[in-house]
Amino acid sequence: MDAQELIINKPFELESGEFLPEIRIAYHTYGRLNEAKDNVIWICHALTANSAIHDWWKGLYGAEKVFDPEKYFIVCANNLGSPYGTI
């Protein structure tokens, strides 16, 4: 499962008032979006800042578990400033 990357190629204002010239957000998706588009789960891991839930939540991710990619379309993005691929 390879990470994907969203690039927002315009200035991004931080709470401090400073700007980043662009942001790049690495993320993983798991499963498929259904036709009604109502099966999305967004996960943000505050401890690791890592979008690879298949690595760090093995007890919760997988078939018949809380985060089941057969049932849900799961999106997990790295936190801003994460060493795992977001700037």
C-alpha atoms as a PDB file:
ATOM      1  CA  MET A   1       0.000   0.000   0.000  1.00  0.00           C
ATOM      2  CA  ASP A   2       1.789   3.054  -1.278  1.00  0.00           C
ATOM      3  CA  ALA A   3       1.101   6.551  -0.070  1.00  0.00           C
ATOM      4  CA  GLN A   4      -0.429   9.059  -2.450  1.00  0.00           C
ATOM      5  CA  GLU A   5       0.177  12.791  -2.376  1.00  0.00           C
ATOM      6  CA  LEU A   6      -2.112  15.805  -2.571  1.00  0.00           C
ATOM      7  CA  ILE A   7      -0.338  18.995  -3.639  1.00  0.00           C
ATOM      8  CA  ILE A   8      -1.999  22.331  -2.946  1.00  0.00           C
ATOM      9  CA  ASN A   9       0.044  24.697  -5.055  1.00  0.00           C
ATOM     10  CA  LYS A  10      -0.911  27.993  -3.456  1.00  0.00           C
ATOM     11  CA  PRO A  11       0.070  29.772  -0.246  1.00  0.00           C
ATOM     12  CA  PHE A  12      -1.245  28.202   2.938  1.00  0.00           C
ATOM     13  CA  GLU A  13      -1.665  30.460   5.968  1.00  0.00           C
ATOM     14  CA  LEU A  14      -0.695  29.069   9.353  1.00  0.00           C
ATOM     15  CA  GLU A  15      -2.312  30.136  12.643  1.00  0.00           C
ATOM     16  CA  SER A  16       0.817  32.217  13.323  1.00  0.00           C
ATOM     17  CA  GLY A  17       0.103  34.350  10.258  1.00  0.00           C
ATOM     18  CA  GLU A  18       3.110  32.928   8.411  1.00  0.00           C
ATOM     19  CA  PHE A  19       2.615  31.276   5.018  1.00  0.00           C
ATOM     20  CA  LEU A  20       3.874  28.090   3.457  1.00  0.00           C
ATOM     21  CA  PRO A  21       4.287  28.516  -0.343  1.00  0.00           C
ATOM     22  CA  GLU A  22       2.504  25.184  -0.923  1.00  0.00           C
ATOM     23  CA  ILE A  23       1.599  22.087   1.021  1.00  0.00           C
ATOM     24  CA  ARG A  24       2.073  18.440   0.167  1.00  0.00           C
ATOM     25  CA  ILE A  25      -0.001  15.952   2.089  1.00  0.00           C
ATOM     26  CA  ALA A  26       0.834  12.263   1.915  1.00  0.00           C
ATOM     27  CA  TYR A  27      -2.143   9.968   2.490  1.00  0.00           C
ATOM     28  CA  HIS A  28      -3.368   6.403   2.145  1.00  0.00           C
ATOM     29  CA  THR A  29      -6.792   5.187   1.093  1.00  0.00           C
ATOM     30  CA  TYR A  30      -8.246   1.769   1.778  1.00  0.00           C
ATOM     31  CA  GLY A  31     -11.373   0.189   0.339  1.00  0.00           C
ATOM     32  CA  ARG A  32     -13.733   1.712  -2.198  1.00  0.00           C
ATOM     33  CA  LEU A  33     -16.085   4.656  -2.164  1.00  0.00           C
ATOM     34  CA  ASN A  34     -19.638   3.395  -2.653  1.00  0.00           C
ATOM     35  CA  GLU A  35     -22.086   4.884  -5.147  1.00  0.00           C
ATOM     36  CA  ALA A  36     -23.931   6.858  -2.443  1.00  0.00           C
ATOM     37  CA  LYS A  37     -20.567   8.182  -1.173  1.00  0.00           C
ATOM     38  CA  ASP A  38     -21.653   7.602   2.415  1.00  0.00           C
ATOM     39  CA  ASN A  39     -19.114   5.007   3.539  1.00  0.00           C
ATOM     40  CA  VAL A  40     -16.134   7.323   4.197  1.00  0.00           C
ATOM     41  CA  ILE A  41     -14.107   7.166   7.397  1.00  0.00           C
ATOM     42  CA  TRP A  42     -11.457   9.860   7.937  1.00  0.00           C
ATOM     43  CA  ILE A  43      -8.678   8.894  10.349  1.00  0.00           C
ATOM     44  CA  CYS A  44      -6.037  11.233  11.736  1.00  0.00           C
ATOM     45  CA  HIS A  45      -3.483   9.666  14.057  1.00  0.00           C
ATOM     46  CA  ALA A  46      -2.193  12.322  16.455  1.00  0.00           C
ATOM     47  CA  LEU A  47       0.570  10.209  18.014  1.00  0.00           C
ATOM     48  CA  THR A  48       2.444   8.927  14.975  1.00  0.00           C
ATOM     49  CA  ALA A  49       1.325  11.484  12.357  1.00  0.00           C
ATOM     50  CA  ASN A  50       1.554   8.527   9.965  1.00  0.00           C
ATOM     51  CA  SER A  51      -1.133   7.685   7.426  1.00  0.00           C
ATOM     52  CA  ALA A  52      -0.358   3.939   7.244  1.00  0.00           C
ATOM     53  CA  ILE A  53      -3.110   2.506   9.458  1.00  0.00           C
ATOM     54  CA  HIS A  54      -2.287  -0.971   8.177  1.00  0.00           C
ATOM     55  CA  ASP A  55       1.026  -0.626  10.080  1.00  0.00           C
ATOM     56  CA  TRP A  56      -0.033   0.910  13.396  1.00  0.00           C
ATOM     57  CA  TRP A  57      -3.633  -0.186  13.976  1.00  0.00           C
ATOM     58  CA  LYS A  58      -3.464  -3.860  13.028  1.00  0.00           C
ATOM     59  CA  GLY A  59      -5.877  -4.703  15.848  1.00  0.00           C
ATOM     60  CA  LEU A  60      -8.521  -2.348  14.440  1.00  0.00           C
ATOM     61  CA  TYR A  61      -7.837  -2.470  10.680  1.00  0.00           C
ATOM     62  CA  GLY A  62      -8.847  -5.355   8.424  1.00  0.00           C
ATOM     63  CA  ALA A  63     -11.709  -7.623   7.468  1.00  0.00           C
ATOM     64  CA  GLU A  64     -14.389  -7.902  10.145  1.00  0.00           C
ATOM     65  CA  LYS A  65     -12.658  -5.244  12.285  1.00  0.00           C
ATOM     66  CA  VAL A  66     -13.644  -1.652  13.173  1.00  0.00           C
ATOM     67  CA  PHE A  67     -11.869  -0.206  10.118  1.00  0.00           C
ATOM     68  CA  ASP A  68     -12.954  -2.775   7.524  1.00  0.00           C
ATOM     69  CA  PRO A  69     -11.861  -1.811   3.981  1.00  0.00           C
ATOM     70  CA  GLU A  70     -14.453  -4.197   2.530  1.00  0.00           C
ATOM     71  CA  LYS A  71     -17.175  -2.069   4.132  1.00  0.00           C
ATOM     72  CA  TYR A  72     -15.676   1.450   4.278  1.00  0.00           C
ATOM     73  CA  PHE A  73     -13.619   3.840   2.172  1.00  0.00           C
ATOM     74  CA  ILE A  74     -10.937   4.859   4.652  1.00  0.00           C
ATOM     75  CA  VAL A  75      -8.799   7.972   4.194  1.00  0.00           C
ATOM     76  CA  CYS A  76      -5.855   8.687   6.464  1.00  0.00           C
ATOM     77  CA  ALA A  77      -3.545  11.655   5.882  1.00  0.00           C
ATOM     78  CA  ASN A  78      -0.250  12.513   7.514  1.00  0.00           C
ATOM     79  CA  ASN A  79      -0.352  15.500   9.844  1.00  0.00           C
ATOM     80  CA  LEU A  80       1.113  18.783   8.669  1.00  0.00           C
ATOM     81  CA  GLY A  81       4.841  18.715   9.449  1.00  0.00           C
ATOM     82  CA  SER A  82       4.937  14.931   9.673  1.00  0.00           C
ATOM     83  CA  PRO A  83       8.279  13.281   8.876  1.00  0.00           C
ATOM     84  CA  TYR A  84       6.327  10.689   6.884  1.00  0.00           C
ATOM     85  CA  GLY A  85       5.729  12.873   3.862  1.00  0.00           C
ATOM     86  CA  THR A  86       3.817  16.056   4.582  1.00  0.00           C
ATOM     87  CA  ILE A  87       5.209  19.557   4.388  1.00  0.00           C
END
